[in-house]
N, C-alpha and C. Protein backbone atom coordinates (compact mmCIF):
# COMPACT_ATOMS: atom_id res chain seq x y z
N MET A 1 143.01 132.28 87.08
CA MET A 1 141.59 132.08 87.34
C MET A 1 141.41 131.17 88.57
N GLU A 2 140.56 131.57 89.48
CA GLU A 2 140.36 130.81 90.71
C GLU A 2 139.54 129.54 90.42
N THR A 3 140.03 128.42 90.93
CA THR A 3 139.31 127.16 90.73
C THR A 3 138.20 127.03 91.78
N VAL A 4 137.10 126.44 91.37
CA VAL A 4 135.97 126.26 92.28
C VAL A 4 136.23 125.03 93.12
N SER A 5 136.03 125.14 94.44
CA SER A 5 136.30 124.03 95.35
C SER A 5 135.28 122.91 95.14
N VAL A 6 135.68 121.70 95.52
CA VAL A 6 134.77 120.55 95.43
C VAL A 6 133.54 120.80 96.29
N LEU A 7 133.74 121.41 97.46
CA LEU A 7 132.60 121.71 98.33
C LEU A 7 131.58 122.58 97.61
N GLU A 8 132.06 123.59 96.91
CA GLU A 8 131.15 124.49 96.19
C GLU A 8 130.46 123.77 95.03
N LEU A 9 131.20 122.89 94.36
CA LEU A 9 130.61 122.12 93.25
C LEU A 9 129.53 121.16 93.76
N VAL A 10 129.80 120.53 94.90
CA VAL A 10 128.80 119.63 95.50
C VAL A 10 127.58 120.44 95.92
N ARG A 11 127.81 121.61 96.51
CA ARG A 11 126.71 122.48 96.92
C ARG A 11 125.84 122.86 95.72
N GLN A 12 126.49 123.26 94.62
CA GLN A 12 125.77 123.66 93.42
C GLN A 12 124.96 122.50 92.84
N LYS A 13 125.57 121.31 92.81
CA LYS A 13 124.88 120.13 92.27
C LYS A 13 123.72 119.72 93.17
N ALA A 14 123.90 119.83 94.48
CA ALA A 14 122.83 119.49 95.43
C ALA A 14 121.63 120.41 95.25
N GLN A 15 121.90 121.67 94.88
CA GLN A 15 120.81 122.64 94.71
C GLN A 15 119.95 122.36 93.48
N LEU A 16 120.40 121.44 92.63
CA LEU A 16 119.59 121.04 91.47
C LEU A 16 118.44 120.13 91.90
N PHE A 17 118.56 119.53 93.09
CA PHE A 17 117.51 118.66 93.61
C PHE A 17 116.54 119.46 94.48
N PRO A 18 115.24 119.23 94.35
CA PRO A 18 114.28 119.94 95.20
C PRO A 18 114.52 119.63 96.67
N LEU A 19 114.05 120.50 97.54
CA LEU A 19 114.16 120.27 98.97
C LEU A 19 113.50 118.94 99.33
N GLY A 20 114.19 118.13 100.14
CA GLY A 20 113.64 116.86 100.56
C GLY A 20 113.76 115.74 99.54
N GLU A 21 114.38 116.03 98.39
CA GLU A 21 114.56 115.01 97.33
C GLU A 21 115.95 114.39 97.50
N PRO A 22 116.02 113.10 97.84
CA PRO A 22 117.34 112.51 98.10
C PRO A 22 118.15 112.27 96.84
N PHE A 23 119.46 112.26 97.02
CA PHE A 23 120.37 111.93 95.94
C PHE A 23 121.47 111.03 96.49
N SER A 24 122.08 110.29 95.60
CA SER A 24 123.13 109.35 95.98
C SER A 24 124.49 110.02 95.92
N VAL A 25 125.40 109.59 96.79
CA VAL A 25 126.78 110.06 96.74
C VAL A 25 127.35 109.81 95.34
N LYS A 26 126.92 108.70 94.75
CA LYS A 26 127.39 108.32 93.40
C LYS A 26 127.09 109.42 92.39
N GLU A 27 125.98 110.14 92.57
CA GLU A 27 125.60 111.21 91.64
C GLU A 27 126.46 112.46 91.79
N MET A 28 127.29 112.49 92.84
CA MET A 28 128.18 113.63 93.08
C MET A 28 129.62 113.34 92.66
N ARG A 29 129.91 112.08 92.33
CA ARG A 29 131.30 111.68 92.08
C ARG A 29 131.92 112.37 90.87
N CYS A 30 131.10 112.94 90.01
CA CYS A 30 131.63 113.60 88.81
C CYS A 30 132.36 114.91 89.13
N VAL A 31 132.19 115.43 90.35
CA VAL A 31 132.78 116.74 90.68
C VAL A 31 134.13 116.63 91.38
N GLY A 32 134.53 115.42 91.75
CA GLY A 32 135.82 115.27 92.45
C GLY A 32 136.07 113.83 92.84
N SER A 33 137.18 113.61 93.53
CA SER A 33 137.52 112.26 93.98
C SER A 33 136.52 111.81 95.05
N ARG A 34 136.46 110.51 95.28
CA ARG A 34 135.53 109.97 96.28
C ARG A 34 135.78 110.60 97.65
N ALA A 35 137.06 110.69 98.03
CA ALA A 35 137.40 111.24 99.35
C ALA A 35 136.98 112.71 99.47
N SER A 36 137.24 113.50 98.41
CA SER A 36 136.91 114.93 98.48
C SER A 36 135.40 115.17 98.47
N VAL A 37 134.66 114.32 97.73
CA VAL A 37 133.20 114.44 97.71
C VAL A 37 132.62 114.05 99.07
N ASP A 38 133.13 112.94 99.63
CA ASP A 38 132.66 112.51 100.96
C ASP A 38 132.92 113.59 102.00
N GLN A 39 134.09 114.21 101.93
CA GLN A 39 134.46 115.27 102.87
C GLN A 39 133.53 116.48 102.70
N ALA A 40 133.25 116.85 101.45
CA ALA A 40 132.37 117.99 101.18
C ALA A 40 130.95 117.72 101.70
N LEU A 41 130.44 116.51 101.47
CA LEU A 41 129.10 116.15 101.94
C LEU A 41 129.04 116.18 103.47
N SER A 42 130.10 115.70 104.10
CA SER A 42 130.18 115.70 105.57
C SER A 42 130.17 117.13 106.10
N ARG A 43 130.94 118.00 105.48
CA ARG A 43 131.00 119.41 105.92
C ARG A 43 129.66 120.12 105.71
N LEU A 44 129.03 119.89 104.55
CA LEU A 44 127.74 120.53 104.26
C LEU A 44 126.65 120.02 105.22
N THR A 45 126.78 118.76 105.66
CA THR A 45 125.82 118.21 106.63
C THR A 45 126.01 118.89 107.98
N LYS A 46 127.27 119.04 108.40
CA LYS A 46 127.57 119.71 109.68
C LYS A 46 127.11 121.17 109.65
N MET A 47 127.15 121.78 108.46
CA MET A 47 126.72 123.18 108.30
C MET A 47 125.20 123.30 108.25
N GLY A 48 124.51 122.15 108.16
CA GLY A 48 123.04 122.17 108.13
C GLY A 48 122.45 122.35 106.74
N GLU A 49 123.31 122.38 105.72
CA GLU A 49 122.82 122.56 104.35
C GLU A 49 122.28 121.26 103.76
N LEU A 50 122.78 120.14 104.28
CA LEU A 50 122.33 118.81 103.84
C LEU A 50 121.98 117.97 105.05
N GLN A 51 121.16 116.93 104.82
CA GLN A 51 120.90 115.95 105.85
C GLN A 51 121.22 114.57 105.28
N ARG A 52 121.82 113.72 106.10
CA ARG A 52 122.11 112.35 105.67
C ARG A 52 120.87 111.53 105.94
N VAL A 53 120.27 110.96 104.90
CA VAL A 53 118.99 110.25 105.06
C VAL A 53 119.17 108.74 105.15
N ALA A 54 120.26 108.23 104.60
CA ALA A 54 120.60 106.81 104.67
C ALA A 54 122.06 106.71 104.27
N ARG A 55 122.65 105.56 104.47
CA ARG A 55 124.06 105.41 104.10
C ARG A 55 124.21 105.64 102.60
N GLY A 56 125.00 106.68 102.26
CA GLY A 56 125.26 106.99 100.86
C GLY A 56 124.21 107.89 100.20
N PHE A 57 123.24 108.41 101.02
CA PHE A 57 122.18 109.26 100.46
C PHE A 57 121.99 110.51 101.31
N TYR A 58 121.84 111.63 100.62
CA TYR A 58 121.67 112.92 101.28
C TYR A 58 120.50 113.67 100.64
N ALA A 59 120.06 114.73 101.31
CA ALA A 59 119.01 115.60 100.76
C ALA A 59 119.18 116.99 101.35
N ARG A 60 118.69 117.97 100.62
CA ARG A 60 118.61 119.32 101.20
C ARG A 60 117.40 119.30 102.14
N PRO A 61 117.56 119.70 103.39
CA PRO A 61 116.46 119.57 104.36
C PRO A 61 115.21 120.34 103.96
N LYS A 62 114.08 119.66 104.09
CA LYS A 62 112.78 120.30 103.89
C LYS A 62 112.19 120.49 105.28
N THR A 63 111.80 121.71 105.60
CA THR A 63 111.36 122.00 106.97
C THR A 63 109.91 122.46 107.01
N SER A 64 109.33 122.28 108.19
CA SER A 64 107.97 122.74 108.47
C SER A 64 108.03 123.64 109.70
N PRO A 65 107.27 124.75 109.71
CA PRO A 65 107.29 125.64 110.88
C PRO A 65 106.89 124.92 112.17
N VAL A 66 106.06 123.89 112.03
CA VAL A 66 105.57 123.16 113.21
C VAL A 66 106.45 121.96 113.54
N LEU A 67 106.81 121.18 112.51
CA LEU A 67 107.50 119.91 112.74
C LEU A 67 109.02 119.99 112.62
N GLY A 68 109.53 121.11 112.13
CA GLY A 68 110.98 121.23 111.94
C GLY A 68 111.41 120.49 110.67
N THR A 69 112.58 119.85 110.71
CA THR A 69 113.09 119.13 109.54
C THR A 69 112.26 117.87 109.32
N LEU A 70 111.74 117.75 108.11
CA LEU A 70 110.89 116.61 107.78
C LEU A 70 111.74 115.41 107.34
N SER A 71 111.29 114.22 107.70
CA SER A 71 112.03 113.03 107.28
C SER A 71 111.73 112.75 105.80
N VAL A 72 112.68 112.13 105.14
CA VAL A 72 112.53 111.81 103.71
C VAL A 72 111.85 110.45 103.58
N PRO A 73 110.75 110.36 102.81
CA PRO A 73 110.06 109.08 102.65
C PRO A 73 110.97 108.00 102.06
N GLY A 74 110.83 106.79 102.58
CA GLY A 74 111.64 105.68 102.11
C GLY A 74 111.50 105.43 100.63
N ALA A 75 110.29 105.65 100.10
CA ALA A 75 110.05 105.43 98.67
C ALA A 75 110.95 106.32 97.82
N LYS A 76 111.18 107.55 98.29
CA LYS A 76 112.03 108.48 97.54
C LYS A 76 113.49 108.04 97.56
N VAL A 77 113.91 107.47 98.69
CA VAL A 77 115.30 106.98 98.78
C VAL A 77 115.47 105.77 97.86
N ALA A 78 114.47 104.90 97.83
CA ALA A 78 114.53 103.74 96.93
C ALA A 78 114.61 104.19 95.48
N GLN A 79 113.85 105.24 95.13
CA GLN A 79 113.89 105.78 93.76
C GLN A 79 115.25 106.37 93.45
N ALA A 80 115.84 107.06 94.44
CA ALA A 80 117.18 107.65 94.24
C ALA A 80 118.22 106.56 94.05
N ALA A 81 118.07 105.45 94.78
CA ALA A 81 119.00 104.32 94.64
C ALA A 81 118.91 103.73 93.24
N ALA A 82 117.70 103.59 92.73
CA ALA A 82 117.51 103.05 91.38
C ALA A 82 118.07 104.02 90.34
N ARG A 83 117.79 105.31 90.53
CA ARG A 83 118.27 106.32 89.58
C ARG A 83 119.80 106.31 89.50
N ALA A 84 120.46 106.18 90.65
CA ALA A 84 121.92 106.19 90.69
C ALA A 84 122.51 104.99 89.95
N GLN A 85 121.75 103.90 89.90
CA GLN A 85 122.20 102.68 89.21
C GLN A 85 121.71 102.63 87.75
N GLY A 86 120.90 103.61 87.35
CA GLY A 86 120.30 103.58 86.03
C GLY A 86 119.33 102.42 85.90
N ALA A 87 118.66 102.10 87.03
CA ALA A 87 117.77 100.93 87.08
C ALA A 87 116.31 101.36 87.17
N LYS A 88 115.42 100.41 86.88
CA LYS A 88 113.99 100.63 87.04
C LYS A 88 113.53 100.01 88.35
N LEU A 89 112.44 100.55 88.90
CA LEU A 89 112.00 100.15 90.23
C LEU A 89 110.51 99.84 90.21
N LEU A 90 110.11 98.84 90.99
CA LEU A 90 108.70 98.48 91.10
C LEU A 90 108.42 97.97 92.51
N ILE A 91 107.37 98.49 93.12
CA ILE A 91 106.98 98.05 94.46
C ILE A 91 106.57 96.58 94.40
N SER A 92 106.79 95.85 95.48
CA SER A 92 106.43 94.42 95.49
C SER A 92 104.92 94.26 95.41
N GLY A 93 104.49 93.09 94.95
CA GLY A 93 103.06 92.83 94.79
C GLY A 93 102.28 92.92 96.08
N ALA A 94 102.85 92.43 97.19
CA ALA A 94 102.16 92.47 98.49
C ALA A 94 101.91 93.91 98.92
N GLU A 95 102.92 94.75 98.76
CA GLU A 95 102.80 96.17 99.12
C GLU A 95 101.80 96.87 98.20
N ALA A 96 101.88 96.59 96.90
CA ALA A 96 100.98 97.20 95.93
C ALA A 96 99.53 96.82 96.21
N ALA A 97 99.28 95.53 96.51
CA ALA A 97 97.93 95.06 96.81
C ALA A 97 97.37 95.76 98.04
N ASN A 98 98.22 95.96 99.04
CA ASN A 98 97.78 96.65 100.26
C ASN A 98 97.46 98.11 99.97
N ARG A 99 98.32 98.79 99.22
CA ARG A 99 98.11 100.21 98.91
C ARG A 99 96.86 100.43 98.06
N LEU A 100 96.54 99.45 97.21
CA LEU A 100 95.35 99.57 96.35
C LEU A 100 94.08 99.11 97.07
N GLY A 101 94.22 98.68 98.33
CA GLY A 101 93.05 98.24 99.11
C GLY A 101 92.56 96.87 98.72
N LEU A 102 93.41 96.08 98.06
CA LEU A 102 93.01 94.73 97.62
C LEU A 102 93.40 93.67 98.65
N SER A 103 94.20 94.06 99.62
CA SER A 103 94.63 93.14 100.66
C SER A 103 94.70 93.88 101.99
N THR A 104 94.28 93.22 103.05
CA THR A 104 94.34 93.85 104.38
C THR A 104 95.64 93.50 105.09
N GLN A 105 96.43 92.61 104.48
CA GLN A 105 97.71 92.24 105.08
C GLN A 105 98.72 93.37 104.86
N VAL A 106 99.28 93.86 105.96
CA VAL A 106 100.29 94.93 105.87
C VAL A 106 101.66 94.28 105.90
N PRO A 107 102.44 94.42 104.82
CA PRO A 107 103.79 93.82 104.82
C PRO A 107 104.64 94.40 105.96
N THR A 108 105.39 93.52 106.63
CA THR A 108 106.21 93.98 107.76
C THR A 108 107.41 94.80 107.29
N ARG A 109 107.86 94.54 106.07
CA ARG A 109 108.98 95.30 105.51
C ARG A 109 108.62 95.76 104.10
N THR A 110 109.11 96.93 103.73
CA THR A 110 108.85 97.43 102.38
C THR A 110 109.85 96.80 101.42
N VAL A 111 109.32 96.15 100.39
CA VAL A 111 110.17 95.47 99.42
C VAL A 111 109.93 96.05 98.02
N TYR A 112 111.00 96.33 97.32
CA TYR A 112 110.94 96.77 95.92
C TYR A 112 111.69 95.77 95.06
N TRP A 113 111.27 95.67 93.81
CA TRP A 113 112.02 94.94 92.80
C TRP A 113 112.77 95.98 91.97
N SER A 114 113.99 95.65 91.56
CA SER A 114 114.80 96.58 90.77
C SER A 114 115.54 95.82 89.68
N THR A 115 115.71 96.49 88.53
CA THR A 115 116.51 95.90 87.46
C THR A 115 118.00 96.05 87.77
N GLY A 116 118.32 96.79 88.83
CA GLY A 116 119.71 96.96 89.28
C GLY A 116 120.04 95.96 90.38
N PRO A 117 121.17 96.16 91.06
CA PRO A 117 121.56 95.23 92.12
C PRO A 117 120.66 95.34 93.35
N GLY A 118 120.57 94.26 94.10
CA GLY A 118 119.80 94.27 95.34
C GLY A 118 120.58 94.96 96.45
N ARG A 119 119.86 95.48 97.44
CA ARG A 119 120.50 96.11 98.59
C ARG A 119 119.47 96.34 99.69
N ILE A 120 119.94 96.66 100.87
CA ILE A 120 119.05 97.01 101.98
C ILE A 120 119.36 98.45 102.37
N LEU A 121 118.32 99.27 102.44
CA LEU A 121 118.46 100.67 102.86
C LEU A 121 117.86 100.82 104.26
N ARG A 122 118.61 101.44 105.15
CA ARG A 122 118.09 101.70 106.50
C ARG A 122 117.90 103.20 106.66
N ILE A 123 116.64 103.59 106.87
CA ILE A 123 116.29 105.00 107.01
C ILE A 123 115.66 105.16 108.39
N GLY A 124 116.46 105.60 109.34
CA GLY A 124 115.98 105.65 110.72
C GLY A 124 115.68 104.24 111.18
N ASN A 125 114.44 104.00 111.64
CA ASN A 125 114.02 102.66 112.07
C ASN A 125 113.45 101.82 110.94
N GLN A 126 113.34 102.43 109.76
CA GLN A 126 112.72 101.75 108.62
C GLN A 126 113.76 100.99 107.80
N GLU A 127 113.37 99.81 107.34
CA GLU A 127 114.26 99.02 106.49
C GLU A 127 113.58 98.78 105.15
N ILE A 128 114.27 99.15 104.09
CA ILE A 128 113.74 98.94 102.74
C ILE A 128 114.62 97.93 102.03
N ILE A 129 113.99 96.89 101.52
CA ILE A 129 114.73 95.84 100.83
C ILE A 129 114.51 95.98 99.33
N ILE A 130 115.60 96.06 98.60
CA ILE A 130 115.54 96.12 97.14
C ILE A 130 116.09 94.81 96.60
N LYS A 131 115.24 94.08 95.88
CA LYS A 131 115.64 92.80 95.31
C LYS A 131 115.83 92.94 93.81
N SER A 132 116.84 92.27 93.31
CA SER A 132 117.16 92.36 91.88
C SER A 132 116.26 91.42 91.07
N ARG A 133 115.77 91.93 89.96
CA ARG A 133 114.94 91.14 89.06
C ARG A 133 115.09 91.71 87.65
N ARG A 134 115.32 90.86 86.67
CA ARG A 134 115.60 91.35 85.32
C ARG A 134 114.39 91.97 84.63
N ASN A 135 113.29 91.22 84.61
CA ASN A 135 112.13 91.67 83.83
C ASN A 135 111.05 92.24 84.75
N LEU A 136 110.89 93.54 84.69
CA LEU A 136 109.88 94.20 85.52
C LEU A 136 108.87 94.89 84.61
N VAL A 137 107.76 94.25 84.37
CA VAL A 137 106.73 94.83 83.49
C VAL A 137 106.05 95.98 84.22
N GLY A 138 106.07 97.15 83.59
CA GLY A 138 105.41 98.32 84.17
C GLY A 138 106.23 99.09 85.18
N ALA A 139 107.51 98.74 85.33
CA ALA A 139 108.36 99.48 86.28
C ALA A 139 108.39 100.96 85.91
N ASP A 140 108.42 101.80 86.93
CA ASP A 140 108.47 103.26 86.76
C ASP A 140 107.25 103.81 86.02
N SER A 141 106.11 103.09 86.10
CA SER A 141 104.88 103.61 85.48
C SER A 141 103.74 103.52 86.50
N ALA A 142 102.68 104.27 86.25
CA ALA A 142 101.52 104.26 87.15
C ALA A 142 100.82 102.91 87.12
N ALA A 143 100.94 102.19 86.00
CA ALA A 143 100.29 100.88 85.88
C ALA A 143 101.08 99.78 86.58
N GLY A 144 102.36 100.01 86.83
CA GLY A 144 103.24 99.00 87.42
C GLY A 144 102.72 98.40 88.72
N PRO A 145 102.35 99.23 89.72
CA PRO A 145 101.85 98.66 90.97
C PRO A 145 100.58 97.83 90.78
N VAL A 146 99.74 98.20 89.82
CA VAL A 146 98.51 97.44 89.54
C VAL A 146 98.87 96.05 89.02
N ILE A 147 99.84 96.00 88.09
CA ILE A 147 100.30 94.73 87.54
C ILE A 147 100.91 93.87 88.64
N ALA A 148 101.75 94.50 89.50
CA ALA A 148 102.38 93.76 90.60
C ALA A 148 101.34 93.20 91.55
N ALA A 149 100.30 93.99 91.84
CA ALA A 149 99.23 93.55 92.74
C ALA A 149 98.46 92.37 92.14
N LEU A 150 98.15 92.45 90.84
CA LEU A 150 97.42 91.37 90.17
C LEU A 150 98.24 90.08 90.15
N GLN A 151 99.55 90.22 89.91
CA GLN A 151 100.42 89.04 89.92
C GLN A 151 100.49 88.43 91.31
N TYR A 152 100.49 89.28 92.33
CA TYR A 152 100.54 88.81 93.73
C TYR A 152 99.24 88.08 94.10
N ILE A 153 98.11 88.65 93.70
CA ILE A 153 96.81 88.02 93.99
C ILE A 153 96.69 86.69 93.25
N GLY A 154 97.14 86.70 92.00
CA GLY A 154 97.16 85.47 91.21
C GLY A 154 95.82 85.15 90.55
N LYS A 155 95.85 84.22 89.64
CA LYS A 155 94.67 83.83 88.87
C LYS A 155 93.54 83.35 89.78
N LYS A 156 93.89 82.54 90.79
CA LYS A 156 92.86 81.97 91.68
C LYS A 156 92.27 83.02 92.62
N GLY A 157 93.08 84.01 93.01
CA GLY A 157 92.59 85.01 93.95
C GLY A 157 91.84 86.17 93.32
N LEU A 158 91.91 86.26 91.99
CA LEU A 158 91.28 87.37 91.29
C LEU A 158 89.77 87.12 91.15
N SER A 159 88.98 88.09 91.60
CA SER A 159 87.52 87.95 91.56
C SER A 159 86.89 89.14 90.87
N GLU A 160 85.60 89.04 90.61
CA GLU A 160 84.87 90.15 89.99
C GLU A 160 84.91 91.39 90.87
N SER A 161 84.82 91.18 92.19
CA SER A 161 84.82 92.33 93.10
C SER A 161 86.15 93.07 93.06
N VAL A 162 87.26 92.33 92.94
CA VAL A 162 88.59 92.94 92.83
C VAL A 162 88.67 93.75 91.53
N GLU A 163 88.18 93.15 90.45
CA GLU A 163 88.18 93.84 89.15
C GLU A 163 87.36 95.12 89.21
N ARG A 164 86.16 95.03 89.83
CA ARG A 164 85.29 96.23 89.94
C ARG A 164 85.95 97.31 90.79
N GLN A 165 86.60 96.88 91.87
CA GLN A 165 87.27 97.83 92.75
C GLN A 165 88.37 98.59 92.01
N LEU A 166 89.17 97.86 91.24
CA LEU A 166 90.24 98.51 90.47
C LEU A 166 89.66 99.40 89.38
N ALA A 167 88.65 98.92 88.68
CA ALA A 167 88.03 99.69 87.60
C ALA A 167 87.48 101.02 88.11
N SER A 168 86.94 101.01 89.35
CA SER A 168 86.33 102.23 89.90
C SER A 168 87.37 103.21 90.43
N GLN A 169 88.53 102.72 90.86
CA GLN A 169 89.49 103.64 91.49
C GLN A 169 90.63 104.09 90.58
N LEU A 170 90.83 103.38 89.46
CA LEU A 170 91.95 103.75 88.59
C LEU A 170 91.55 104.83 87.59
N PRO A 171 92.38 105.86 87.43
CA PRO A 171 92.10 106.88 86.41
C PRO A 171 92.14 106.25 85.02
N GLU A 172 91.46 106.89 84.09
CA GLU A 172 91.40 106.37 82.72
C GLU A 172 92.79 106.20 82.11
N SER A 173 93.69 107.14 82.42
CA SER A 173 95.05 107.07 81.85
C SER A 173 95.78 105.80 82.28
N VAL A 174 95.58 105.38 83.55
CA VAL A 174 96.22 104.16 84.06
C VAL A 174 95.59 102.92 83.42
N ARG A 175 94.25 102.95 83.26
CA ARG A 175 93.56 101.81 82.63
C ARG A 175 94.04 101.63 81.19
N GLU A 176 94.23 102.73 80.48
CA GLU A 176 94.73 102.66 79.10
C GLU A 176 96.17 102.14 79.07
N GLU A 177 96.96 102.58 80.04
CA GLU A 177 98.36 102.15 80.15
C GLU A 177 98.43 100.64 80.38
N LEU A 178 97.52 100.11 81.20
CA LEU A 178 97.47 98.67 81.48
C LEU A 178 97.30 97.87 80.19
N LEU A 179 96.43 98.36 79.31
CA LEU A 179 96.18 97.66 78.04
C LEU A 179 97.46 97.52 77.22
N GLY A 180 98.30 98.52 77.29
CA GLY A 180 99.55 98.52 76.51
C GLY A 180 100.53 97.45 76.97
N TYR A 181 100.39 97.00 78.23
CA TYR A 181 101.33 96.00 78.76
C TYR A 181 100.86 94.56 78.54
N ILE A 182 99.65 94.37 78.03
CA ILE A 182 99.10 93.01 77.85
C ILE A 182 100.06 92.06 77.11
N PRO A 183 100.71 92.49 76.01
CA PRO A 183 101.60 91.55 75.30
C PRO A 183 102.77 91.03 76.14
N GLU A 184 103.14 91.77 77.20
CA GLU A 184 104.28 91.36 78.04
C GLU A 184 103.87 90.53 79.24
N LEU A 185 102.56 90.35 79.45
CA LEU A 185 102.04 89.69 80.65
C LEU A 185 101.58 88.26 80.38
N PRO A 186 101.45 87.45 81.46
CA PRO A 186 100.92 86.09 81.27
C PRO A 186 99.53 86.12 80.65
N ALA A 187 99.20 85.10 79.87
CA ALA A 187 97.93 85.06 79.13
C ALA A 187 96.70 85.19 80.04
N TRP A 188 96.77 84.63 81.27
CA TRP A 188 95.60 84.67 82.15
C TRP A 188 95.21 86.08 82.58
N MET A 189 96.16 87.04 82.45
CA MET A 189 95.89 88.41 82.90
C MET A 189 95.17 89.25 81.85
N GLU A 190 95.15 88.79 80.59
CA GLU A 190 94.58 89.62 79.52
C GLU A 190 93.11 89.96 79.75
N LYS A 191 92.25 88.95 79.96
CA LYS A 191 90.82 89.22 80.12
C LYS A 191 90.51 90.09 81.34
N PRO A 192 91.09 89.79 82.53
CA PRO A 192 90.83 90.67 83.67
C PRO A 192 91.25 92.11 83.41
N ILE A 193 92.41 92.30 82.77
CA ILE A 193 92.87 93.67 82.49
C ILE A 193 91.93 94.37 81.52
N ARG A 194 91.47 93.68 80.51
CA ARG A 194 90.52 94.27 79.55
C ARG A 194 89.22 94.67 80.26
N ARG A 195 88.78 93.83 81.21
CA ARG A 195 87.54 94.16 81.96
C ARG A 195 87.78 95.36 82.88
N ILE A 196 88.96 95.40 83.52
CA ILE A 196 89.29 96.53 84.41
C ILE A 196 89.39 97.82 83.59
N ALA A 197 89.98 97.71 82.40
CA ALA A 197 90.14 98.89 81.54
C ALA A 197 88.83 99.36 80.95
N GLY A 198 87.81 98.49 80.98
CA GLY A 198 86.50 98.87 80.48
C GLY A 198 86.42 98.81 78.98
């Protein structure tokens, strides 16, 4: 019986990921030795079947008729890094506050908190910093960035207008999810979250 090459096994495993969805080299190690997997990934990249998106991360290229090969968003690479470590991920409070329109300050670097090890990912000119933190309330949930933003703003910075803004823009499912995290959060956050949740 003919044995399947490591290159073919890597190709098959890569096809389980959607186009443009990054994966870690670590997620391929089950199909062969480190050297053989690295060699297979290198060959598949030269063949145009894969693109290297960051050190240790690859994706099947997603293309556009107008733009050609699309770049992989840094957020997806950060998620792939967490997945490879079996870790949870949460955007930093400063970034979350900016994305929710609660702060006009644009963070110069994208920072994530992770229950796994810290690391720096370089994706083209972009640098993503992953910092290790044990307790991440709301990690990997839609409510997580809201909690991170509220913690960043803090008790003194939280106002009625911020609460109204969040209440008006958050879907009901996220507001309900927020209520479920109250027991894990500082006491000062309970009343604002209840008001935001309506």
